[in-house]
N, C-alpha and C. Protein backbone atom coordinates (compact mmCIF):
# COMPACT_ATOMS: atom_id res chain seq x y z
N UNK A 1 -29.07 26.50 43.96
CA UNK A 1 -30.31 25.85 43.24
C UNK A 1 -31.02 26.99 42.53
N UNK A 2 -31.42 27.20 41.36
CA UNK A 2 -32.07 28.24 40.74
C UNK A 2 -33.23 27.56 39.94
N UNK A 3 -34.42 28.23 40.37
CA UNK A 3 -35.74 27.70 39.95
C UNK A 3 -36.46 29.05 39.48
N UNK A 4 -37.32 28.76 38.41
CA UNK A 4 -38.31 30.01 38.11
C UNK A 4 -39.57 29.26 37.96
N UNK A 5 -40.70 29.40 38.82
CA UNK A 5 -41.77 28.63 38.91
C UNK A 5 -42.98 29.40 38.67
N UNK A 6 -43.86 29.14 37.85
CA UNK A 6 -44.88 29.88 37.39
C UNK A 6 -46.14 29.32 37.02
N UNK A 7 -47.24 30.03 36.82
CA UNK A 7 -48.49 29.60 36.41
C UNK A 7 -48.70 29.45 34.96
N UNK A 8 -48.04 30.56 34.17
CA UNK A 8 -48.37 30.63 32.68
C UNK A 8 -47.05 31.39 32.27
N UNK A 9 -46.05 30.42 31.58
CA UNK A 9 -44.75 30.91 31.23
C UNK A 9 -44.85 32.05 30.19
N UNK A 10 -45.74 31.89 29.30
CA UNK A 10 -45.73 32.95 28.10
C UNK A 10 -46.11 34.34 28.90
N UNK A 11 -46.68 34.40 29.97
CA UNK A 11 -47.06 35.62 30.76
C UNK A 11 -45.93 36.22 31.21
N UNK A 12 -44.96 35.37 31.85
CA UNK A 12 -44.03 35.93 32.79
C UNK A 12 -42.60 35.48 32.41
N UNK A 13 -42.31 34.84 31.40
CA UNK A 13 -41.08 34.28 30.79
C UNK A 13 -40.09 35.58 30.46
N UNK A 14 -40.57 36.63 30.12
CA UNK A 14 -39.68 37.84 29.95
C UNK A 14 -38.98 38.21 31.09
N UNK A 15 -39.48 37.90 32.13
CA UNK A 15 -38.67 38.28 33.45
C UNK A 15 -37.42 37.69 33.62
N UNK A 16 -37.14 36.44 32.86
CA UNK A 16 -35.90 35.84 32.95
C UNK A 16 -35.27 35.83 31.53
N UNK A 17 -35.58 36.81 30.69
CA UNK A 17 -34.96 36.57 29.31
C UNK A 17 -33.60 36.33 29.18
N UNK A 18 -32.86 37.04 30.00
CA UNK A 18 -31.34 37.01 30.09
C UNK A 18 -30.78 35.50 30.26
N UNK A 19 -31.75 34.89 31.25
CA UNK A 19 -31.44 33.44 31.56
C UNK A 19 -31.59 32.42 30.54
N UNK A 20 -32.54 32.89 29.56
CA UNK A 20 -32.79 31.78 28.33
C UNK A 20 -32.36 32.18 26.92
N UNK A 21 -31.89 33.59 26.75
CA UNK A 21 -31.55 34.09 25.31
C UNK A 21 -30.49 33.37 24.93
N UNK A 22 -30.60 32.53 23.92
CA UNK A 22 -29.65 31.87 23.19
C UNK A 22 -29.01 30.64 24.08
N UNK A 23 -29.99 30.22 24.87
CA UNK A 23 -29.39 28.95 25.90
C UNK A 23 -30.01 27.66 25.16
N UNK A 24 -29.48 26.55 25.59
CA UNK A 24 -30.02 25.33 25.15
C UNK A 24 -31.18 24.82 26.14
N UNK A 25 -32.27 24.82 25.71
CA UNK A 25 -33.30 24.48 26.59
C UNK A 25 -33.87 22.99 26.33
N UNK A 26 -34.17 22.34 27.36
CA UNK A 26 -34.73 21.02 27.03
C UNK A 26 -36.21 21.10 27.60
N UNK A 27 -37.10 20.92 26.56
CA UNK A 27 -38.50 21.55 26.56
C UNK A 27 -39.23 20.09 26.94
N UNK A 28 -39.66 19.96 28.06
CA UNK A 28 -40.40 18.79 28.42
C UNK A 28 -42.04 18.88 28.52
N UNK A 29 -42.75 18.27 27.55
CA UNK A 29 -44.06 18.61 27.52
C UNK A 29 -44.88 17.50 28.28
N UNK A 30 -44.22 16.57 28.86
CA UNK A 30 -44.76 15.31 29.35
C UNK A 30 -46.19 15.56 30.10
N UNK A 31 -46.10 16.53 31.05
CA UNK A 31 -47.39 16.77 31.86
C UNK A 31 -48.67 17.02 31.01
N UNK A 32 -48.54 17.57 29.66
CA UNK A 32 -49.64 18.02 28.89
C UNK A 32 -49.93 16.96 27.93
N UNK A 33 -49.40 15.87 27.74
CA UNK A 33 -49.74 14.94 26.65
C UNK A 33 -51.14 14.39 26.56
N UNK A 34 -51.61 14.04 27.89
CA UNK A 34 -53.03 13.58 27.96
C UNK A 34 -54.08 14.65 28.32
N UNK A 35 -53.74 15.85 28.11
CA UNK A 35 -54.70 16.97 28.42
C UNK A 35 -55.45 17.36 27.06
N UNK A 36 -56.77 17.73 27.29
CA UNK A 36 -57.55 18.36 26.25
C UNK A 36 -57.13 19.54 25.68
N UNK A 37 -56.83 20.59 26.53
CA UNK A 37 -56.23 21.92 26.07
C UNK A 37 -54.81 21.93 26.33
N UNK A 38 -54.15 22.26 25.40
CA UNK A 38 -52.53 22.45 25.36
C UNK A 38 -52.10 23.77 24.85
N UNK A 39 -52.87 24.73 24.80
CA UNK A 39 -52.37 26.01 24.23
C UNK A 39 -51.34 26.65 24.84
N UNK A 40 -51.35 26.41 26.20
CA UNK A 40 -50.11 27.02 26.90
C UNK A 40 -48.81 26.51 26.41
N UNK A 41 -48.71 25.22 25.79
CA UNK A 41 -47.44 24.47 25.38
C UNK A 41 -47.02 25.26 24.31
N UNK A 42 -47.88 25.53 23.47
CA UNK A 42 -47.46 26.18 22.17
C UNK A 42 -47.13 27.74 22.42
N UNK A 43 -47.57 28.35 23.37
CA UNK A 43 -47.39 29.65 23.57
C UNK A 43 -45.92 29.75 24.39
N UNK A 44 -45.73 28.73 25.09
CA UNK A 44 -44.39 28.68 25.82
C UNK A 44 -43.34 28.62 24.77
N UNK A 45 -43.61 27.64 23.97
CA UNK A 45 -42.64 27.26 22.89
C UNK A 45 -42.35 28.57 22.10
N UNK A 46 -43.41 29.39 21.62
CA UNK A 46 -43.22 30.52 20.89
C UNK A 46 -42.29 31.49 21.58
N UNK A 47 -42.60 31.70 23.07
CA UNK A 47 -41.71 32.63 23.75
C UNK A 47 -40.43 32.26 23.59
N UNK A 48 -40.17 30.93 23.95
CA UNK A 48 -38.69 30.43 24.02
C UNK A 48 -37.92 30.85 22.59
N UNK A 49 -38.62 30.57 21.58
CA UNK A 49 -38.14 30.77 20.24
C UNK A 49 -37.87 32.26 20.09
N UNK A 50 -38.78 33.08 20.36
CA UNK A 50 -38.73 34.55 20.31
C UNK A 50 -37.48 35.06 21.01
N UNK A 51 -37.13 34.38 22.15
CA UNK A 51 -35.86 34.82 23.03
C UNK A 51 -34.68 34.28 22.44
N UNK A 52 -34.77 33.30 21.32
CA UNK A 52 -33.58 32.88 20.85
C UNK A 52 -33.08 31.46 21.34
N UNK A 53 -33.87 31.00 22.30
CA UNK A 53 -33.47 29.70 22.80
C UNK A 53 -33.45 28.55 21.90
N UNK A 54 -32.43 27.60 22.19
CA UNK A 54 -32.21 26.44 21.18
C UNK A 54 -33.06 25.33 21.80
N UNK A 55 -34.22 25.02 21.27
CA UNK A 55 -35.17 23.95 22.05
C UNK A 55 -34.90 22.43 21.60
N UNK A 56 -34.90 21.74 22.51
CA UNK A 56 -34.92 20.42 22.25
C UNK A 56 -36.06 19.80 22.99
N UNK A 57 -37.04 19.30 22.31
CA UNK A 57 -38.24 18.70 23.09
C UNK A 57 -38.11 17.23 23.35
N UNK A 58 -38.49 16.87 24.69
CA UNK A 58 -38.37 15.44 24.78
C UNK A 58 -39.44 15.11 26.01
N UNK A 59 -40.20 14.00 25.41
CA UNK A 59 -41.30 13.56 26.32
C UNK A 59 -40.63 12.37 27.28
N UNK A 60 -40.46 12.72 28.51
CA UNK A 60 -39.79 11.52 29.44
C UNK A 60 -40.53 10.28 29.54
N UNK A 61 -41.69 10.20 29.11
CA UNK A 61 -42.53 9.00 29.27
C UNK A 61 -42.31 8.15 28.11
N UNK A 62 -41.54 8.58 27.01
CA UNK A 62 -41.42 7.96 25.95
C UNK A 62 -39.97 7.54 25.67
N UNK A 63 -39.00 8.42 26.13
CA UNK A 63 -37.58 8.32 25.63
C UNK A 63 -36.93 7.37 26.56
N UNK A 64 -35.77 6.92 26.16
CA UNK A 64 -34.87 6.09 26.92
C UNK A 64 -34.12 6.95 27.96
N UNK A 65 -33.90 6.22 29.25
CA UNK A 65 -33.15 7.01 30.23
C UNK A 65 -31.98 7.63 29.80
N UNK A 66 -31.08 6.93 28.98
CA UNK A 66 -29.91 7.19 28.64
C UNK A 66 -29.89 8.60 27.65
N UNK A 67 -30.95 8.74 26.82
CA UNK A 67 -31.33 9.70 25.86
C UNK A 67 -31.48 11.00 26.75
N UNK A 68 -32.54 10.82 27.90
CA UNK A 68 -32.79 11.84 28.63
C UNK A 68 -31.49 12.44 29.38
N UNK A 69 -30.74 11.57 29.92
CA UNK A 69 -29.68 11.99 30.78
C UNK A 69 -28.62 12.62 29.91
N UNK A 70 -28.42 12.45 28.62
CA UNK A 70 -27.46 13.18 27.93
C UNK A 70 -28.19 14.49 27.54
N UNK A 71 -29.40 14.37 27.30
CA UNK A 71 -30.04 15.78 26.91
C UNK A 71 -30.10 16.66 28.19
N UNK A 72 -30.42 16.21 29.32
CA UNK A 72 -30.31 17.04 30.65
C UNK A 72 -29.02 17.51 30.85
N UNK A 73 -27.96 16.73 30.61
CA UNK A 73 -26.53 17.18 30.93
C UNK A 73 -26.04 18.35 29.97
N UNK A 74 -26.57 18.17 28.84
CA UNK A 74 -25.98 19.11 27.76
C UNK A 74 -26.80 20.45 27.82
N UNK A 75 -28.01 20.47 28.35
CA UNK A 75 -28.85 21.60 28.30
C UNK A 75 -28.30 22.61 29.38
N UNK A 76 -28.86 23.87 29.03
CA UNK A 76 -28.43 24.96 30.17
C UNK A 76 -29.62 25.28 30.82
N UNK A 77 -30.82 24.94 30.52
CA UNK A 77 -32.03 25.08 31.24
C UNK A 77 -32.96 23.96 31.04
N UNK A 78 -33.54 23.48 32.12
CA UNK A 78 -34.74 22.39 32.05
C UNK A 78 -36.06 22.92 32.27
N UNK A 79 -36.90 22.78 31.11
CA UNK A 79 -38.20 23.21 31.37
C UNK A 79 -39.36 22.36 31.19
N UNK A 80 -40.37 22.44 32.24
CA UNK A 80 -41.51 21.47 32.36
C UNK A 80 -42.68 22.25 32.18
N UNK A 81 -43.65 21.81 31.15
CA UNK A 81 -44.81 22.50 30.82
C UNK A 81 -45.77 22.22 31.94
N UNK A 82 -46.90 22.87 31.74
CA UNK A 82 -48.26 22.63 32.68
C UNK A 82 -48.77 21.34 32.13
N UNK A 83 -49.84 20.80 32.95
CA UNK A 83 -50.60 19.68 32.51
C UNK A 83 -51.02 18.91 33.60
N UNK A 84 -50.97 17.65 33.76
CA UNK A 84 -51.25 16.83 34.83
C UNK A 84 -50.10 16.82 35.85
N UNK A 85 -50.20 17.27 37.21
CA UNK A 85 -49.03 17.00 38.03
C UNK A 85 -48.72 15.62 38.46
N UNK A 86 -49.85 14.78 38.61
CA UNK A 86 -49.68 13.35 39.11
C UNK A 86 -49.03 12.58 38.02
N UNK A 87 -49.45 12.77 36.79
CA UNK A 87 -48.72 12.07 35.57
C UNK A 87 -47.16 12.57 35.60
N UNK A 88 -47.02 13.74 35.56
CA UNK A 88 -45.53 14.16 35.53
C UNK A 88 -44.71 13.65 36.60
N UNK A 89 -45.08 13.64 38.00
CA UNK A 89 -44.37 13.11 39.00
C UNK A 89 -44.25 11.66 38.91
N UNK A 90 -45.36 10.92 38.56
CA UNK A 90 -45.24 9.61 38.43
C UNK A 90 -44.11 9.04 37.25
N UNK A 91 -44.09 9.86 36.31
CA UNK A 91 -43.18 9.59 35.11
C UNK A 91 -41.74 9.85 35.56
N UNK A 92 -41.52 10.96 36.26
CA UNK A 92 -40.27 11.38 36.90
C UNK A 92 -39.72 10.35 37.80
N UNK A 93 -40.73 9.86 38.86
CA UNK A 93 -40.05 8.89 39.88
C UNK A 93 -40.05 7.50 39.60
N UNK A 94 -40.80 6.94 38.64
CA UNK A 94 -40.89 5.57 38.08
C UNK A 94 -39.55 5.40 37.22
N UNK A 95 -39.12 6.46 36.48
CA UNK A 95 -38.02 6.10 35.59
C UNK A 95 -36.74 6.56 36.35
N UNK A 96 -36.57 7.14 37.40
CA UNK A 96 -35.38 7.67 38.04
C UNK A 96 -34.92 9.03 37.41
N UNK A 97 -35.87 9.69 36.69
CA UNK A 97 -35.49 10.94 36.15
C UNK A 97 -35.50 12.08 37.34
N UNK A 98 -36.14 11.63 38.42
CA UNK A 98 -36.33 12.58 39.48
C UNK A 98 -35.00 12.85 40.12
N UNK A 99 -34.18 11.93 40.23
CA UNK A 99 -32.76 11.93 40.80
C UNK A 99 -31.96 12.56 39.84
N UNK A 100 -32.13 12.40 38.57
CA UNK A 100 -31.22 12.82 37.57
C UNK A 100 -31.42 14.35 37.52
N UNK A 101 -32.72 14.73 37.76
CA UNK A 101 -33.01 16.23 37.85
C UNK A 101 -32.45 16.83 38.95
N UNK A 102 -32.59 15.99 40.04
CA UNK A 102 -32.08 16.84 41.33
C UNK A 102 -30.68 17.03 41.12
N UNK A 103 -29.93 16.29 40.62
CA UNK A 103 -28.55 16.31 40.34
C UNK A 103 -28.08 17.35 39.55
N UNK A 104 -28.69 17.66 38.51
CA UNK A 104 -28.69 18.78 37.59
C UNK A 104 -28.91 20.02 38.32
N UNK A 105 -29.88 20.06 39.07
CA UNK A 105 -30.35 21.20 39.92
C UNK A 105 -29.35 21.72 40.85
N UNK A 106 -28.79 20.75 41.64
CA UNK A 106 -27.87 20.79 42.48
C UNK A 106 -26.53 21.27 41.97
N UNK A 107 -26.26 20.95 40.71
CA UNK A 107 -25.10 21.60 40.13
C UNK A 107 -25.31 22.99 39.42
N UNK A 108 -26.33 23.67 39.86
CA UNK A 108 -26.52 24.92 39.42
C UNK A 108 -27.43 25.24 38.03
N UNK A 109 -27.99 24.21 37.53
CA UNK A 109 -28.71 24.36 36.19
C UNK A 109 -30.06 24.94 36.69
N UNK A 110 -30.63 25.79 35.71
CA UNK A 110 -31.78 26.56 35.90
C UNK A 110 -33.02 25.59 35.49
N UNK A 111 -34.02 25.39 36.30
CA UNK A 111 -35.17 24.77 36.12
C UNK A 111 -36.36 25.70 36.05
N UNK A 112 -37.10 25.64 35.00
CA UNK A 112 -38.23 26.43 34.89
C UNK A 112 -39.48 25.41 34.93
N UNK A 113 -40.39 25.68 35.86
CA UNK A 113 -41.62 24.80 35.86
C UNK A 113 -42.81 25.70 35.72
N UNK A 114 -43.73 25.21 34.82
CA UNK A 114 -44.85 26.11 34.51
C UNK A 114 -46.07 25.21 35.07
N UNK A 115 -46.78 25.68 36.15
CA UNK A 115 -47.96 25.13 36.63
C UNK A 115 -47.80 23.62 37.00
N UNK A 116 -47.99 22.57 36.53
CA UNK A 116 -47.51 21.23 37.04
C UNK A 116 -46.11 21.34 37.19
N UNK A 117 -45.36 21.78 36.32
CA UNK A 117 -44.09 21.74 36.54
C UNK A 117 -43.37 22.63 37.75
N UNK A 118 -44.27 23.53 38.28
CA UNK A 118 -43.97 24.26 39.53
C UNK A 118 -44.46 23.35 40.77
N UNK A 119 -45.69 22.81 40.62
CA UNK A 119 -46.34 21.99 41.64
C UNK A 119 -45.46 20.89 42.06
N UNK A 120 -44.88 20.11 41.28
CA UNK A 120 -43.86 18.99 41.50
C UNK A 120 -42.73 19.33 42.39
N UNK A 121 -42.43 20.86 42.38
CA UNK A 121 -41.30 21.13 43.26
C UNK A 121 -41.64 21.19 44.89
N UNK A 122 -43.02 20.93 45.13
CA UNK A 122 -43.34 20.98 46.44
C UNK A 122 -43.05 19.85 47.27
N UNK A 123 -43.02 19.69 48.66
CA UNK A 123 -42.69 18.45 49.30
C UNK A 123 -43.76 17.20 48.88
N UNK A 124 -44.93 17.68 48.65
CA UNK A 124 -46.15 16.59 48.33
C UNK A 124 -47.20 17.32 47.34
N UNK A 125 -47.82 16.55 46.43
CA UNK A 125 -48.71 17.10 45.61
C UNK A 125 -50.22 16.62 45.83
N UNK A 126 -50.42 16.21 47.03
CA UNK A 126 -51.74 15.79 47.44
C UNK A 126 -52.70 16.86 47.42
N UNK A 127 -52.37 17.88 47.73
CA UNK A 127 -53.31 19.20 47.76
C UNK A 127 -53.71 19.61 46.64
N UNK A 128 -53.38 19.18 45.41
CA UNK A 128 -53.74 19.59 44.05
C UNK A 128 -54.79 18.70 43.39
N UNK A 129 -55.14 17.68 44.15
CA UNK A 129 -55.91 16.65 43.45
C UNK A 129 -57.12 17.32 43.00
N UNK A 130 -57.76 18.35 43.71
CA UNK A 130 -58.99 18.99 43.29
C UNK A 130 -58.78 19.55 41.78
N UNK A 131 -57.76 19.82 41.77
CA UNK A 131 -57.36 20.62 40.40
C UNK A 131 -56.99 19.68 39.29
N UNK A 132 -56.18 18.50 39.76
CA UNK A 132 -55.59 17.72 38.68
C UNK A 132 -56.01 16.31 39.04
N UNK A 133 -56.71 15.75 38.21
CA UNK A 133 -57.13 14.18 38.50
C UNK A 133 -56.00 13.26 38.47
N UNK A 134 -55.91 12.45 39.55
CA UNK A 134 -54.86 11.47 39.55
C UNK A 134 -55.10 10.38 38.40
N UNK A 135 -54.25 10.08 37.63
CA UNK A 135 -54.46 9.14 36.47
C UNK A 135 -54.79 7.79 37.06
N UNK A 136 -55.65 6.79 36.30
CA UNK A 136 -56.02 5.53 36.76
C UNK A 136 -54.74 4.68 36.92
N UNK A 137 -53.65 4.84 36.03
CA UNK A 137 -52.57 4.00 36.16
C UNK A 137 -51.49 4.71 37.04
N UNK A 138 -51.72 5.55 37.85
CA UNK A 138 -50.75 6.17 38.83
C UNK A 138 -50.18 4.99 39.58
N UNK A 139 -48.84 5.12 39.43
CA UNK A 139 -47.98 3.81 40.17
C UNK A 139 -47.31 4.20 41.48
N UNK A 140 -47.35 5.39 41.97
CA UNK A 140 -46.85 5.61 43.33
C UNK A 140 -47.70 5.40 44.50
N UNK A 141 -46.93 4.84 45.51
CA UNK A 141 -47.61 4.61 46.84
C UNK A 141 -47.98 5.87 47.58
N UNK A 142 -47.38 7.04 47.11
CA UNK A 142 -47.62 8.16 47.96
C UNK A 142 -47.74 9.33 46.88
N UNK A 143 -47.72 10.64 47.31
CA UNK A 143 -47.80 11.78 46.52
C UNK A 143 -46.60 12.66 46.76
N UNK A 144 -45.47 12.10 47.11
CA UNK A 144 -44.28 12.94 47.22
C UNK A 144 -43.83 13.67 46.00
N UNK A 145 -43.53 15.01 46.36
CA UNK A 145 -43.05 15.87 45.25
C UNK A 145 -41.39 15.85 45.34
N UNK A 146 -40.77 16.83 44.62
CA UNK A 146 -39.34 16.85 44.60
C UNK A 146 -38.89 17.45 45.67
N UNK A 147 -39.65 18.21 46.61
CA UNK A 147 -38.98 19.14 47.77
C UNK A 147 -38.14 19.98 47.45
N UNK A 148 -37.94 20.68 46.31
CA UNK A 148 -37.01 21.58 45.92
C UNK A 148 -37.35 22.90 46.68
N UNK A 149 -38.61 23.11 47.04
CA UNK A 149 -38.92 24.08 47.98
C UNK A 149 -39.75 23.47 49.21
N UNK A 150 -39.87 24.09 50.37
CA UNK A 150 -40.54 23.65 51.51
C UNK A 150 -42.01 24.16 51.79
N UNK A 151 -42.40 24.80 50.75
CA UNK A 151 -44.01 25.25 50.73
C UNK A 151 -44.59 24.47 49.40
N UNK A 152 -45.77 24.92 49.39
CA UNK A 152 -46.71 24.31 48.44
C UNK A 152 -47.24 25.29 47.49
N UNK A 153 -46.93 25.18 46.11
CA UNK A 153 -47.24 26.09 45.18
C UNK A 153 -48.57 25.82 44.68
N UNK A 154 -49.48 26.84 44.55
CA UNK A 154 -50.76 26.88 44.05
C UNK A 154 -50.92 27.91 42.99
N UNK A 155 -50.72 27.31 41.71
CA UNK A 155 -50.79 28.11 40.36
C UNK A 155 -52.19 28.50 40.07
N UNK A 156 -52.25 29.66 39.18
CA UNK A 156 -53.52 30.05 38.57
C UNK A 156 -54.52 30.62 39.58
N UNK A 157 -53.95 31.08 40.62
CA UNK A 157 -54.76 31.47 41.95
C UNK A 157 -55.55 32.58 41.53
N UNK A 158 -57.00 32.58 41.84
CA UNK A 158 -58.09 33.52 41.40
C UNK A 158 -58.11 33.70 39.92
N UNK A 159 -57.74 32.80 39.10
CA UNK A 159 -57.70 33.06 37.48
C UNK A 159 -58.67 32.15 36.84
N UNK A 160 -59.37 32.64 35.93
CA UNK A 160 -60.36 31.68 35.33
C UNK A 160 -59.69 30.58 34.50
N UNK A 161 -60.15 29.60 34.58
CA UNK A 161 -61.29 28.90 35.14
C UNK A 161 -60.89 28.20 36.53
N UNK A 162 -59.85 28.69 37.06
CA UNK A 162 -59.35 28.03 38.37
C UNK A 162 -59.79 28.90 39.62
N UNK A 163 -60.74 29.82 39.36
CA UNK A 163 -60.83 30.89 40.57
C UNK A 163 -61.35 30.01 41.91
N UNK A 164 -62.47 29.33 41.57
CA UNK A 164 -63.19 28.65 42.59
C UNK A 164 -62.33 27.42 43.24
N UNK A 165 -61.78 26.71 42.37
CA UNK A 165 -61.00 25.44 42.96
C UNK A 165 -59.74 26.15 43.67
N UNK A 166 -59.09 27.14 43.21
CA UNK A 166 -57.84 27.52 44.10
C UNK A 166 -58.24 28.15 45.36
N UNK A 167 -59.28 28.80 45.34
CA UNK A 167 -60.05 29.32 46.67
C UNK A 167 -60.34 28.11 47.66
N UNK A 168 -60.87 27.16 46.97
CA UNK A 168 -61.24 25.99 47.75
C UNK A 168 -59.97 25.20 48.30
N UNK A 169 -58.96 25.02 47.53
CA UNK A 169 -57.77 24.34 48.18
C UNK A 169 -57.05 25.06 48.98
N UNK A 170 -57.13 26.40 49.00
CA UNK A 170 -56.38 27.48 50.01
C UNK A 170 -57.14 27.32 51.31
N UNK A 171 -58.53 27.16 51.25
CA UNK A 171 -59.25 27.19 52.37
C UNK A 171 -59.27 25.64 53.00
N UNK A 172 -59.18 24.64 52.35
CA UNK A 172 -59.18 23.24 52.85
C UNK A 172 -57.69 22.77 53.34
N UNK A 173 -56.85 23.47 52.75
CA UNK A 173 -55.28 23.12 53.17
C UNK A 173 -54.65 24.16 54.08
N UNK A 174 -55.52 24.81 54.92
CA UNK A 174 -55.12 26.05 55.64
C UNK A 174 -53.75 25.78 56.61
N UNK A 175 -53.61 24.44 56.79
CA UNK A 175 -52.52 23.91 57.63
C UNK A 175 -51.19 23.93 56.96
N UNK A 176 -51.25 23.91 55.49
CA UNK A 176 -50.07 23.84 54.75
C UNK A 176 -49.66 25.19 54.47
N UNK A 177 -48.35 25.50 54.27
CA UNK A 177 -47.71 26.67 53.91
C UNK A 177 -47.90 26.88 52.39
N UNK A 178 -49.03 27.20 52.05
CA UNK A 178 -49.23 27.28 50.37
C UNK A 178 -48.94 28.63 50.01
N UNK A 179 -48.29 28.65 48.74
CA UNK A 179 -47.77 29.94 48.07
C UNK A 179 -48.70 29.99 46.86
N UNK A 180 -49.75 30.94 46.78
CA UNK A 180 -50.50 31.06 45.69
C UNK A 180 -50.04 32.06 44.72
N UNK A 181 -49.99 31.75 43.46
CA UNK A 181 -49.48 32.81 42.31
C UNK A 181 -50.57 32.79 41.19
N UNK A 182 -50.75 34.04 40.75
CA UNK A 182 -51.72 34.15 39.75
C UNK A 182 -50.84 33.88 38.30
N UNK A 183 -51.46 34.02 37.30
CA UNK A 183 -50.94 33.91 36.00
C UNK A 183 -49.75 34.91 35.69
N UNK A 184 -49.72 36.11 36.43
CA UNK A 184 -48.87 37.03 36.19
C UNK A 184 -47.77 37.17 37.24
N UNK A 185 -47.71 36.15 37.92
CA UNK A 185 -46.64 36.07 39.04
C UNK A 185 -45.77 34.86 38.84
N UNK A 186 -44.64 34.93 39.46
CA UNK A 186 -43.53 33.85 39.40
C UNK A 186 -42.85 33.76 40.75
N UNK A 187 -42.39 32.51 41.03
CA UNK A 187 -41.57 32.51 42.21
C UNK A 187 -40.11 32.29 41.66
N UNK A 188 -39.08 33.16 41.99
CA UNK A 188 -37.76 32.89 41.69
C UNK A 188 -37.05 32.40 43.00
N UNK A 189 -36.39 31.11 42.71
CA UNK A 189 -35.69 30.78 43.85
C UNK A 189 -34.10 30.73 43.58
N UNK A 190 -33.49 31.29 44.51
CA UNK A 190 -31.79 31.27 44.10
C UNK A 190 -31.26 30.83 45.51
N UNK A 191 -30.85 29.59 45.46
CA UNK A 191 -30.20 28.82 46.62
C UNK A 191 -31.19 28.76 47.69
N UNK A 192 -31.19 29.56 48.77
CA UNK A 192 -32.05 29.32 49.79
C UNK A 192 -33.13 30.35 49.96
N UNK A 193 -32.93 31.45 49.06
CA UNK A 193 -34.13 32.51 49.02
C UNK A 193 -35.07 32.35 47.81
N UNK A 194 -36.26 32.66 48.26
CA UNK A 194 -37.41 32.65 47.40
C UNK A 194 -38.19 34.01 47.52
N UNK A 195 -38.63 34.40 46.20
CA UNK A 195 -39.34 35.60 46.08
C UNK A 195 -40.43 35.59 45.10
N UNK A 196 -41.51 36.29 45.33
CA UNK A 196 -42.60 36.23 44.27
C UNK A 196 -42.43 37.34 43.51
N UNK A 197 -42.41 37.22 42.33
CA UNK A 197 -42.32 38.63 41.40
C UNK A 197 -43.64 38.68 40.51
N UNK A 198 -43.89 39.94 39.97
CA UNK A 198 -45.02 40.02 39.16
C UNK A 198 -44.80 40.91 38.02
N UNK A 199 -45.67 40.58 36.74
CA UNK A 199 -45.33 41.30 35.65
C UNK A 199 -46.13 42.78 35.60
N UNK A 200 -47.08 42.86 36.47
CA UNK A 200 -47.78 44.17 36.49
C UNK A 200 -48.06 44.68 37.71
């Protein structure tokens, strides 16, 4: 399993430039499509293009399963933008794309998750509700994540405008194994090992 999980991809993406240079990347902006601010989506898009990645954008809430399946299978890298974690996990689970994604990851494909895209890799995402509002049409009976890691990722730690809410989440969920990361840190997972790296 190869994962690169971060708060802000355009700040840390150069750490894995060899992994994305001239590679076919499926760029999934689904988490961001109902968000007011989406500057991070464009900054990630720009960095991928600067690194020579061949981007195919695909909103999994709108495409047919067969189209998504083909695109995931053909890609070298699967990337999920930030946005609303609950909306993203809901779309993944209700379409069965979660199982398709797991299969591709288990086959050794690199997944990059930014913010919401990182949070969904945790066993559950209930802890993030103070940061991400649950959509009114959320269709899941629980908040299960993908369980790609056995800890709980807290992006944007101590970063404006999330400083207070990230401190609050860390304090309130002290019983969880939370891994807080700033906008200049990323978690690299290779098979069973995880490490946090920093750009400064």
